[in-house]
């Protein structure tokens, strides 16, 4: 079983946002996205996996069997970047 110790700001930041009467739905979505990205980044240290690979991994986890072009669009990357990553991993 994996147990994680989350940084203190990941525990307190959502409470601050909930207490903000002017908080917009997009602020909650951005906060969730940023928190997820920080947790993934912690699990894959910068020296081992690049941000582009992380985005491809996250996309492939939920979209099995997509083409390289679809992967590039869904991950927010360029097609040549995805093609190069796939070619170097073979």
C-alpha atoms as a PDB file:
ATOM      1  CA  UNK A   1       0.000   0.000   0.000  1.00  0.00           C
ATOM      2  CA  UNK A   2       1.343   3.423  -0.959  1.00  0.00           C
ATOM      3  CA  UNK A   3       1.041   6.193   1.583  1.00  0.00           C
ATOM      4  CA  UNK A   4       1.770   9.788   0.686  1.00  0.00           C
ATOM      5  CA  UNK A   5       2.698  12.720   2.829  1.00  0.00           C
ATOM      6  CA  UNK A   6       1.113  15.723   1.173  1.00  0.00           C
ATOM      7  CA  UNK A   7       2.613  19.200   1.553  1.00  0.00           C
ATOM      8  CA  UNK A   8       0.722  21.310   4.055  1.00  0.00           C
ATOM      9  CA  UNK A   9      -0.475  23.810   1.422  1.00  0.00           C
ATOM     10  CA  UNK A  10      -2.285  20.999  -0.434  1.00  0.00           C
ATOM     11  CA  UNK A  11      -4.291  20.438   2.732  1.00  0.00           C
ATOM     12  CA  UNK A  12      -5.076  24.079   3.541  1.00  0.00           C
ATOM     13  CA  UNK A  13      -5.500  25.652   0.100  1.00  0.00           C
ATOM     14  CA  UNK A  14      -8.888  24.028  -0.663  1.00  0.00           C
ATOM     15  CA  UNK A  15     -10.286  25.361   2.618  1.00  0.00           C
ATOM     16  CA  UNK A  16      -9.165  28.897   1.739  1.00  0.00           C
ATOM     17  CA  UNK A  17     -10.839  28.627  -1.651  1.00  0.00           C
ATOM     18  CA  UNK A  18     -14.080  27.346  -0.117  1.00  0.00           C
ATOM     19  CA  UNK A  19     -14.125  30.312   2.255  1.00  0.00           C
ATOM     20  CA  UNK A  20     -13.736  32.790  -0.624  1.00  0.00           C
ATOM     21  CA  UNK A  21     -17.226  34.174  -1.434  1.00  0.00           C
ATOM     22  CA  UNK A  22     -16.018  35.313  -4.883  1.00  0.00           C
ATOM     23  CA  UNK A  23     -14.622  31.928  -5.931  1.00  0.00           C
ATOM     24  CA  UNK A  24     -15.634  30.944  -9.454  1.00  0.00           C
ATOM     25  CA  UNK A  25     -16.097  27.318 -10.609  1.00  0.00           C
ATOM     26  CA  UNK A  26     -13.059  27.701 -12.860  1.00  0.00           C
ATOM     27  CA  UNK A  27     -10.948  28.479  -9.778  1.00  0.00           C
ATOM     28  CA  UNK A  28     -11.916  25.122  -8.252  1.00  0.00           C
ATOM     29  CA  UNK A  29     -11.132  23.290 -11.486  1.00  0.00           C
ATOM     30  CA  UNK A  30      -7.742  25.003 -11.765  1.00  0.00           C
ATOM     31  CA  UNK A  31      -6.976  24.199  -8.131  1.00  0.00           C
ATOM     32  CA  UNK A  32      -7.813  20.511  -8.623  1.00  0.00           C
ATOM     33  CA  UNK A  33      -5.747  20.373 -11.810  1.00  0.00           C
ATOM     34  CA  UNK A  34      -2.746  22.053 -10.166  1.00  0.00           C
ATOM     35  CA  UNK A  35      -2.952  19.767  -7.146  1.00  0.00           C
ATOM     36  CA  UNK A  36      -3.092  16.684  -9.358  1.00  0.00           C
ATOM     37  CA  UNK A  37      -0.115  17.908 -11.405  1.00  0.00           C
ATOM     38  CA  UNK A  38       1.931  18.518  -8.235  1.00  0.00           C
ATOM     39  CA  UNK A  39       1.172  15.045  -6.905  1.00  0.00           C
ATOM     40  CA  UNK A  40       2.086  13.433 -10.240  1.00  0.00           C
ATOM     41  CA  UNK A  41       5.274  15.519 -10.408  1.00  0.00           C
ATOM     42  CA  UNK A  42       6.238  14.338  -6.960  1.00  0.00           C
ATOM     43  CA  UNK A  43       5.712  10.710  -7.953  1.00  0.00           C
ATOM     44  CA  UNK A  44       7.797  11.159 -11.126  1.00  0.00           C
ATOM     45  CA  UNK A  45      10.851  13.286 -10.210  1.00  0.00           C
ATOM     46  CA  UNK A  46      11.971  15.763 -12.872  1.00  0.00           C
ATOM     47  CA  UNK A  47      15.213  13.926 -13.585  1.00  0.00           C
ATOM     48  CA  UNK A  48      13.389  10.713 -14.548  1.00  0.00           C
ATOM     49  CA  UNK A  49      10.235  11.710 -16.479  1.00  0.00           C
ATOM     50  CA  UNK A  50       9.597  14.926 -18.397  1.00  0.00           C
ATOM     51  CA  UNK A  51       6.385  16.942 -18.222  1.00  0.00           C
ATOM     52  CA  UNK A  52       5.502  15.917 -21.777  1.00  0.00           C
ATOM     53  CA  UNK A  53       5.739  12.234 -20.890  1.00  0.00           C
ATOM     54  CA  UNK A  54       3.638  12.832 -17.770  1.00  0.00           C
ATOM     55  CA  UNK A  55       0.923  14.433 -19.888  1.00  0.00           C
ATOM     56  CA  UNK A  56       1.033  11.524 -22.329  1.00  0.00           C
ATOM     57  CA  UNK A  57       0.824   8.981 -19.464  1.00  0.00           C
ATOM     58  CA  UNK A  58      -2.180  10.751 -17.928  1.00  0.00           C
ATOM     59  CA  UNK A  59      -3.917  10.878 -21.309  1.00  0.00           C
ATOM     60  CA  UNK A  60      -3.212   7.240 -22.112  1.00  0.00           C
ATOM     61  CA  UNK A  61      -4.527   6.131 -18.717  1.00  0.00           C
ATOM     62  CA  UNK A  62      -8.003   7.239 -19.727  1.00  0.00           C
ATOM     63  CA  UNK A  63      -7.875   6.958 -23.535  1.00  0.00           C
ATOM     64  CA  UNK A  64      -6.510   3.547 -24.476  1.00  0.00           C
ATOM     65  CA  UNK A  65      -6.082   2.838 -28.176  1.00  0.00           C
ATOM     66  CA  UNK A  66      -5.955   6.416 -29.459  1.00  0.00           C
ATOM     67  CA  UNK A  67      -3.786   7.472 -32.389  1.00  0.00           C
ATOM     68  CA  UNK A  68      -0.666   9.596 -32.024  1.00  0.00           C
ATOM     69  CA  UNK A  69      -2.520  12.605 -33.434  1.00  0.00           C
ATOM     70  CA  UNK A  70      -5.355  12.130 -30.925  1.00  0.00           C
ATOM     71  CA  UNK A  71      -2.806  11.714 -28.140  1.00  0.00           C
ATOM     72  CA  UNK A  72      -1.051  14.932 -29.140  1.00  0.00           C
ATOM     73  CA  UNK A  73      -4.312  16.895 -29.147  1.00  0.00           C
ATOM     74  CA  UNK A  74      -5.565  15.452 -25.858  1.00  0.00           C
ATOM     75  CA  UNK A  75      -2.225  15.981 -24.081  1.00  0.00           C
ATOM     76  CA  UNK A  76      -1.728  19.487 -25.469  1.00  0.00           C
ATOM     77  CA  UNK A  77       1.451  18.524 -27.308  1.00  0.00           C
ATOM     78  CA  UNK A  78       2.575  18.791 -30.919  1.00  0.00           C
ATOM     79  CA  UNK A  79       2.383  15.737 -33.176  1.00  0.00           C
ATOM     80  CA  UNK A  80       6.151  15.748 -33.821  1.00  0.00           C
ATOM     81  CA  UNK A  81       6.796  15.688 -30.050  1.00  0.00           C
ATOM     82  CA  UNK A  82       4.592  12.640 -29.602  1.00  0.00           C
ATOM     83  CA  UNK A  83       6.102  10.896 -32.627  1.00  0.00           C
ATOM     84  CA  UNK A  84       9.605  11.528 -31.326  1.00  0.00           C
ATOM     85  CA  UNK A  85       8.706  10.270 -27.847  1.00  0.00           C
ATOM     86  CA  UNK A  86       7.153   7.098 -29.251  1.00  0.00           C
ATOM     87  CA  UNK A  87      10.098   6.484 -31.570  1.00  0.00           C
ATOM     88  CA  UNK A  88      12.699   6.887 -28.814  1.00  0.00           C
ATOM     89  CA  UNK A  89      10.805   4.575 -26.461  1.00  0.00           C
ATOM     90  CA  UNK A  90      10.709   1.654 -28.928  1.00  0.00           C
END
